Structure formats: structure tokens, C-alpha cells
Amino acid sequence: MWYSSLSAPAPPSVTQRLADAQDGQYGTGDYQLVTHTGQSVDDSIFLGKPSLVFFGFTHCPDVCPTTLSDMQYWLSKLGEDADEIQAFFVTADPERDTVEVMAEYVSWFSDSITGLTGEVDEIAEMVSAWGVYTQKAPIDGGGYNVDHTASVFMLDREGRFFGTIAYEEDREIAIAKVRRLADSG
């Protein structure tokens, strides 16, 4: 599922990306990112523990803050098992979402969520590798929002695709998915 305030073309095929990845790590690529704490990382950050990965932007009026709040809620419902999961918020707006902006933004939600940003071309590489839809959408009065895929991606500890959680999916179903992900790790 993706969110759009305007009419937009269909998002890239996640199904095709899954077929291409087969049993290997999902979303691999030659991209370098920076965490909200300033640490340089690559796609290996998604290895070792199961991961929740959400693409969005800090100026988002509704989908992103709702989803990050949901992610924190899901993790809180896991109790001690939440330590078995890593959660990421990847910017779809690297021009505005600097390391400092990401650090402040993710701190509003949870210290369990890692913000990821980077150079525009590096984020574009990751977005392409993951098959995520993003597009700038002008807003009245100037400025822009970013239309984007609104699902949370789930990866197992080996970086393989495990499933998704749709935007506004029933909380109990989402928690069951996250628990199953934690149990797989």
C-alpha cells in the first residue's frame, strides 16, 4: 500500500523485487546511509536481527507519525522480546531530513527506532533496491510532501523478506506479525 495526496503512477512491483531476491537478502544494493546518530552504514545493517523497515519523511502530516507510533506500540507489546527486533525509519526526503532532523524526529517516538538518511543519490539507490514508491508532491502555498509506499517491511535476521504490515492494519494482527517475526529470529 502507498499513500498519495495526488494522482500518481502505480508503485514499482514489490512482487517483482521479491522474485528477484528469491532466498537472498532483500533490498541489497551499493548504498551508504547514515543513522540518526551519525554512524555510516550499508545494507548489512539489516542482518543479525529481524527488522521492521518503514520509508517516510519528517514533514509528513499523518502517515509517518501514525506509523512510527504504531511501530513503538507493537514493540512495547512484545515486552522483553522487543530486544530481538530492530526498527528503522528511512527517509524518502533526504534534502530536508538531515542527521540532526532525523535524530530529533525519531526521539519523539522511541529510542528503539533508528533513523536512516544519506545523500540524495544514496537514498535513491536504496529506494530503487527496495522497490519503494516515492514522489515529490507540490502543496498549496509552496513546498512539497512526498508520496510514498506506506507499508512496513519485515525482514528476517538474514535480511530476507518476511512480510509487510499495511498502513492502518488492525493492531492485533500487526502485533501477531511482529511477534512471529521476533520468534523467527
C-alpha atoms as a PDB file:
ATOM      1  CA  MET A   1       0.000   0.000   0.000  1.00  0.00           C
ATOM      2  CA  TRP A   2       1.207   3.513  -0.689  1.00  0.00           C
ATOM      3  CA  TYR A   3      -0.075   6.898   0.281  1.00  0.00           C
ATOM      4  CA  SER A   4      -0.728   9.695  -2.180  1.00  0.00           C
ATOM      5  CA  SER A   5      -2.267  13.105  -1.889  1.00  0.00           C
ATOM      6  CA  LEU A   6      -2.362  13.379  -5.686  1.00  0.00           C
ATOM      7  CA  SER A   7      -2.958  11.047  -8.592  1.00  0.00           C
ATOM      8  CA  ALA A   8       0.275   9.198  -9.205  1.00  0.00           C
ATOM      9  CA  PRO A   9       1.529   6.271 -11.250  1.00  0.00           C
ATOM     10  CA  ALA A  10       1.435   2.796  -9.763  1.00  0.00           C
ATOM     11  CA  PRO A  11       4.330   1.970  -7.446  1.00  0.00           C
ATOM     12  CA  PRO A  12       7.116  -0.346  -8.596  1.00  0.00           C
ATOM     13  CA  SER A  13       6.343  -4.019  -8.215  1.00  0.00           C
ATOM     14  CA  VAL A  14       7.370  -5.304  -4.782  1.00  0.00           C
ATOM     15  CA  THR A  15       6.347  -8.736  -6.076  1.00  0.00           C
ATOM     16  CA  GLN A  16       8.977  -8.468  -8.811  1.00  0.00           C
ATOM     17  CA  ARG A  17      11.608  -7.400  -6.264  1.00  0.00           C
ATOM     18  CA  LEU A  18      10.751 -10.460  -4.163  1.00  0.00           C
ATOM     19  CA  ALA A  19      11.064 -12.742  -7.162  1.00  0.00           C
ATOM     20  CA  ASP A  20      14.439 -11.188  -7.989  1.00  0.00           C
ATOM     21  CA  ALA A  21      15.683 -11.585  -4.385  1.00  0.00           C
ATOM     22  CA  GLN A  22      14.454 -15.185  -4.087  1.00  0.00           C
ATOM     23  CA  ASP A  23      16.095 -16.601  -0.955  1.00  0.00           C
ATOM     24  CA  GLY A  24      18.742 -13.892  -0.648  1.00  0.00           C
ATOM     25  CA  GLN A  25      18.849 -10.629   1.286  1.00  0.00           C
ATOM     26  CA  TYR A  26      16.055  -8.274   0.256  1.00  0.00           C
ATOM     27  CA  GLY A  27      16.842  -4.727  -0.849  1.00  0.00           C
ATOM     28  CA  THR A  28      20.555  -5.215  -1.306  1.00  0.00           C
ATOM     29  CA  GLY A  29      22.448  -2.531  -3.110  1.00  0.00           C
ATOM     30  CA  ASP A  30      25.524  -0.408  -3.191  1.00  0.00           C
ATOM     31  CA  TYR A  31      24.140   2.360  -0.984  1.00  0.00           C
ATOM     32  CA  GLN A  32      25.695   4.055   2.019  1.00  0.00           C
ATOM     33  CA  LEU A  33      23.453   5.578   4.674  1.00  0.00           C
ATOM     34  CA  VAL A  34      23.879   7.440   7.942  1.00  0.00           C
ATOM     35  CA  THR A  35      21.997   6.677  11.161  1.00  0.00           C
ATOM     36  CA  HIS A  36      20.394   9.460  13.173  1.00  0.00           C
ATOM     37  CA  THR A  37      23.417   9.181  15.492  1.00  0.00           C
ATOM     38  CA  GLY A  38      25.864   9.852  12.636  1.00  0.00           C
ATOM     39  CA  GLN A  39      27.097   6.269  12.084  1.00  0.00           C
ATOM     40  CA  SER A  40      27.795   5.277   8.457  1.00  0.00           C
ATOM     41  CA  VAL A  41      26.053   2.023   7.477  1.00  0.00           C
ATOM     42  CA  ASP A  42      25.256  -0.073   4.427  1.00  0.00           C
ATOM     43  CA  ASP A  43      22.693  -2.786   3.680  1.00  0.00           C
ATOM     44  CA  SER A  44      24.389  -5.116   6.176  1.00  0.00           C
ATOM     45  CA  ILE A  45      22.593  -3.178   8.937  1.00  0.00           C
ATOM     46  CA  PHE A  46      19.564  -5.349   8.153  1.00  0.00           C
ATOM     47  CA  LEU A  47      21.399  -8.546   9.112  1.00  0.00           C
ATOM     48  CA  GLY A  48      21.685 -10.216  12.521  1.00  0.00           C
ATOM     49  CA  LYS A  49      18.241  -9.424  13.916  1.00  0.00           C
ATOM     50  CA  PRO A  50      14.778  -9.336  12.383  1.00  0.00           C
ATOM     51  CA  SER A  51      13.922  -5.847  11.157  1.00  0.00           C
ATOM     52  CA  LEU A  52      10.948  -3.551  10.709  1.00  0.00           C
ATOM     53  CA  VAL A  53      11.673  -1.007   7.952  1.00  0.00           C
ATOM     54  CA  PHE A  54       9.474   1.982   7.104  1.00  0.00           C
ATOM     55  CA  PHE A  55      10.122   4.638   4.455  1.00  0.00           C
ATOM     56  CA  GLY A  56       8.735   8.135   5.045  1.00  0.00           C
ATOM     57  CA  PHE A  57       9.667  11.722   5.813  1.00  0.00           C
ATOM     58  CA  THR A  58       9.737  14.008   8.834  1.00  0.00           C
ATOM     59  CA  HIS A  59       7.435  16.666   7.354  1.00  0.00           C
ATOM     60  CA  CYS A  60       4.691  14.086   6.822  1.00  0.00           C
ATOM     61  CA  PRO A  61       1.357  15.295   8.205  1.00  0.00           C
ATOM     62  CA  ASP A  62      -0.189  11.922   9.075  1.00  0.00           C
ATOM     63  CA  VAL A  63       1.023   8.566   7.704  1.00  0.00           C
ATOM     64  CA  CYS A  64       4.582   8.725   9.075  1.00  0.00           C
ATOM     65  CA  PRO A  65       3.858   9.860  12.631  1.00  0.00           C
ATOM     66  CA  THR A  66       0.999   7.360  12.815  1.00  0.00           C
ATOM     67  CA  THR A  67       3.179   4.503  11.562  1.00  0.00           C
ATOM     68  CA  LEU A  68       6.106   5.326  13.861  1.00  0.00           C
ATOM     69  CA  SER A  69       3.706   5.487  16.818  1.00  0.00           C
ATOM     70  CA  ASP A  70       2.304   2.130  15.739  1.00  0.00           C
ATOM     71  CA  MET A  71       5.805   0.645  15.498  1.00  0.00           C
ATOM     72  CA  GLN A  72       6.578   1.795  19.034  1.00  0.00           C
ATOM     73  CA  TYR A  73       3.271   0.339  20.239  1.00  0.00           C
ATOM     74  CA  TRP A  74       3.974  -3.020  18.564  1.00  0.00           C
ATOM     75  CA  LEU A  75       7.407  -3.176  20.151  1.00  0.00           C
ATOM     76  CA  SER A  76       6.006  -2.259  23.577  1.00  0.00           C
ATOM     77  CA  LYS A  77       3.537  -5.146  23.324  1.00  0.00           C
ATOM     78  CA  LEU A  78       6.401  -7.603  22.787  1.00  0.00           C
ATOM     79  CA  GLY A  79       7.906  -6.853  26.184  1.00  0.00           C
ATOM     80  CA  GLU A  80      11.412  -8.316  26.508  1.00  0.00           C
ATOM     81  CA  ASP A  81      11.072  -9.905  23.052  1.00  0.00           C
ATOM     82  CA  ALA A  82      11.288  -6.396  21.554  1.00  0.00           C
ATOM     83  CA  ASP A  83      15.057  -6.632  22.047  1.00  0.00           C
ATOM     84  CA  GLU A  84      15.007  -9.297  19.329  1.00  0.00           C
ATOM     85  CA  ILE A  85      13.813  -6.779  16.704  1.00  0.00           C
ATOM     86  CA  GLN A  86      15.437  -3.741  15.157  1.00  0.00           C
ATOM     87  CA  ALA A  87      13.258  -0.967  13.734  1.00  0.00           C
ATOM     88  CA  PHE A  88      14.214   1.572  11.069  1.00  0.00           C
ATOM     89  CA  PHE A  89      12.713   4.769   9.691  1.00  0.00           C
ATOM     90  CA  VAL A  90      14.302   5.517   6.300  1.00  0.00           C
ATOM     91  CA  THR A  91      13.813   8.989   4.890  1.00  0.00           C
ATOM     92  CA  ALA A  92      12.243   9.447   1.473  1.00  0.00           C
ATOM     93  CA  ASP A  93      13.213  13.150   1.717  1.00  0.00           C
ATOM     94  CA  PRO A  94      16.977  13.354   2.257  1.00  0.00           C
ATOM     95  CA  GLU A  95      17.091  17.008   1.165  1.00  0.00           C
ATOM     96  CA  ARG A  96      15.284  18.048   4.367  1.00  0.00           C
ATOM     97  CA  ASP A  97      15.863  15.039   6.618  1.00  0.00           C
ATOM     98  CA  THR A  98      19.426  15.561   7.786  1.00  0.00           C
ATOM     99  CA  VAL A  99      21.036  13.527  10.554  1.00  0.00           C
ATOM    100  CA  GLU A 100      20.061  16.219  13.093  1.00  0.00           C
ATOM    101  CA  VAL A 101      16.449  16.395  11.871  1.00  0.00           C
ATOM    102  CA  MET A 102      16.141  12.601  11.923  1.00  0.00           C
ATOM    103  CA  ALA A 103      17.628  12.433  15.441  1.00  0.00           C
ATOM    104  CA  GLU A 104      15.087  14.877  16.804  1.00  0.00           C
ATOM    105  CA  TYR A 105      12.183  13.292  14.929  1.00  0.00           C
ATOM    106  CA  VAL A 106      12.746   9.652  15.905  1.00  0.00           C
ATOM    107  CA  SER A 107      13.330  10.697  19.533  1.00  0.00           C
ATOM    108  CA  TRP A 108       9.689  11.806  19.682  1.00  0.00           C
ATOM    109  CA  PHE A 109       8.602   8.219  19.112  1.00  0.00           C
ATOM    110  CA  SER A 110      11.113   5.769  20.525  1.00  0.00           C
ATOM    111  CA  ASP A 111      14.741   5.151  21.268  1.00  0.00           C
ATOM    112  CA  SER A 112      14.160   1.719  19.687  1.00  0.00           C
ATOM    113  CA  ILE A 113      13.731   3.173  16.183  1.00  0.00           C
ATOM    114  CA  THR A 114      16.828   4.051  14.170  1.00  0.00           C
ATOM    115  CA  GLY A 115      16.501   6.864  11.657  1.00  0.00           C
ATOM    116  CA  LEU A 116      18.372   6.412   8.378  1.00  0.00           C
ATOM    117  CA  THR A 117      19.255   9.219   5.967  1.00  0.00           C
ATOM    118  CA  GLY A 118      22.001   9.940   3.462  1.00  0.00           C
ATOM    119  CA  GLU A 119      22.901  11.698   0.271  1.00  0.00           C
ATOM    120  CA  VAL A 120      20.091  12.083  -2.272  1.00  0.00           C
ATOM    121  CA  ASP A 121      21.645   9.579  -4.706  1.00  0.00           C
ATOM    122  CA  GLU A 122      22.252   7.024  -1.924  1.00  0.00           C
ATOM    123  CA  ILE A 123      18.617   7.201  -0.774  1.00  0.00           C
ATOM    124  CA  ALA A 124      17.507   6.916  -4.411  1.00  0.00           C
ATOM    125  CA  GLU A 125      19.650   3.770  -4.731  1.00  0.00           C
ATOM    126  CA  MET A 126      18.047   2.244  -1.627  1.00  0.00           C
ATOM    127  CA  VAL A 127      14.525   3.204  -2.704  1.00  0.00           C
ATOM    128  CA  SER A 128      15.170   1.524  -6.054  1.00  0.00           C
ATOM    129  CA  ALA A 129      16.686  -1.596  -4.457  1.00  0.00           C
ATOM    130  CA  TRP A 130      13.655  -1.973  -2.190  1.00  0.00           C
ATOM    131  CA  GLY A 131      11.065  -1.250  -4.916  1.00  0.00           C
ATOM    132  CA  VAL A 132       9.631   1.591  -2.822  1.00  0.00           C
ATOM    133  CA  TYR A 133       7.496   4.278  -4.429  1.00  0.00           C
ATOM    134  CA  THR A 134       8.402   7.915  -3.685  1.00  0.00           C
ATOM    135  CA  GLN A 135       7.475  11.109  -5.488  1.00  0.00           C
ATOM    136  CA  LYS A 136       7.515  14.770  -4.501  1.00  0.00           C
ATOM    137  CA  ALA A 137       4.017  16.271  -4.465  1.00  0.00           C
ATOM    138  CA  PRO A 138       3.746  20.082  -4.505  1.00  0.00           C
ATOM    139  CA  ILE A 139       1.425  21.595  -1.907  1.00  0.00           C
ATOM    140  CA  ASP A 140      -0.547  24.844  -1.965  1.00  0.00           C
ATOM    141  CA  GLY A 141       1.496  27.802  -0.817  1.00  0.00           C
ATOM    142  CA  GLY A 142       4.796  26.247  -1.880  1.00  0.00           C
ATOM    143  CA  GLY A 143       6.803  23.389  -0.528  1.00  0.00           C
ATOM    144  CA  TYR A 144       6.052  19.742  -1.018  1.00  0.00           C
ATOM    145  CA  ASN A 145       5.061  16.488   0.575  1.00  0.00           C
ATOM    146  CA  VAL A 146       6.413  13.114  -0.507  1.00  0.00           C
ATOM    147  CA  ASP A 147       4.031  10.439  -1.683  1.00  0.00           C
ATOM    148  CA  HIS A 148       5.475   7.077  -0.636  1.00  0.00           C
ATOM    149  CA  THR A 149       4.898   3.416  -0.021  1.00  0.00           C
ATOM    150  CA  ALA A 150       3.154   3.259   3.354  1.00  0.00           C
ATOM    151  CA  SER A 151       3.745  -0.361   4.347  1.00  0.00           C
ATOM    152  CA  VAL A 152       6.233  -1.522   6.952  1.00  0.00           C
ATOM    153  CA  PHE A 153       8.609  -4.119   5.524  1.00  0.00           C
ATOM    154  CA  MET A 154       9.594  -7.062   7.717  1.00  0.00           C
ATOM    155  CA  LEU A 155      12.921  -8.855   7.224  1.00  0.00           C
ATOM    156  CA  ASP A 156      14.198 -11.933   8.994  1.00  0.00           C
ATOM    157  CA  ARG A 157      17.623 -11.931  10.676  1.00  0.00           C
ATOM    158  CA  GLU A 158      19.277 -12.928   7.400  1.00  0.00           C
ATOM    159  CA  GLY A 159      17.761  -9.952   5.603  1.00  0.00           C
ATOM    160  CA  ARG A 160      15.183 -11.992   3.708  1.00  0.00           C
ATOM    161  CA  PHE A 161      11.723 -10.616   3.099  1.00  0.00           C
ATOM    162  CA  PHE A 162       9.329 -11.850   5.795  1.00  0.00           C
ATOM    163  CA  GLY A 163       6.179  -9.845   5.011  1.00  0.00           C
ATOM    164  CA  THR A 164       4.597  -6.427   5.361  1.00  0.00           C
ATOM    165  CA  ILE A 165       2.286  -4.592   7.689  1.00  0.00           C
ATOM    166  CA  ALA A 166      -0.133  -2.340   5.844  1.00  0.00           C
ATOM    167  CA  TYR A 167      -0.847   1.231   6.887  1.00  0.00           C
ATOM    168  CA  GLU A 168      -3.637   1.190   9.491  1.00  0.00           C
ATOM    169  CA  GLU A 169      -3.653  -2.619   9.636  1.00  0.00           C
ATOM    170  CA  ASP A 170      -5.584  -3.961  12.620  1.00  0.00           C
ATOM    171  CA  ARG A 171      -3.350  -3.579  15.692  1.00  0.00           C
ATOM    172  CA  GLU A 172      -3.784  -7.132  16.913  1.00  0.00           C
ATOM    173  CA  ILE A 173      -2.940  -8.575  13.508  1.00  0.00           C
ATOM    174  CA  ALA A 174       0.120  -6.296  13.274  1.00  0.00           C
ATOM    175  CA  ILE A 175       1.297  -7.338  16.753  1.00  0.00           C
ATOM    176  CA  ALA A 176       0.872 -11.015  15.815  1.00  0.00           C
ATOM    177  CA  LYS A 177       3.000 -10.453  12.695  1.00  0.00           C
ATOM    178  CA  VAL A 178       5.720  -8.696  14.695  1.00  0.00           C
ATOM    179  CA  ARG A 179       5.664 -11.438  17.335  1.00  0.00           C
ATOM    180  CA  ARG A 180       6.009 -14.094  14.616  1.00  0.00           C
ATOM    181  CA  LEU A 181       8.940 -12.088  13.200  1.00  0.00           C
ATOM    182  CA  ALA A 182      10.602 -11.913  16.643  1.00  0.00           C
ATOM    183  CA  ASP A 183      10.070 -15.648  17.157  1.00  0.00           C
ATOM    184  CA  SER A 184      11.729 -16.372  13.802  1.00  0.00           C
ATOM    185  CA  GLY A 185      14.927 -14.626  14.900  1.00  0.00           C
END
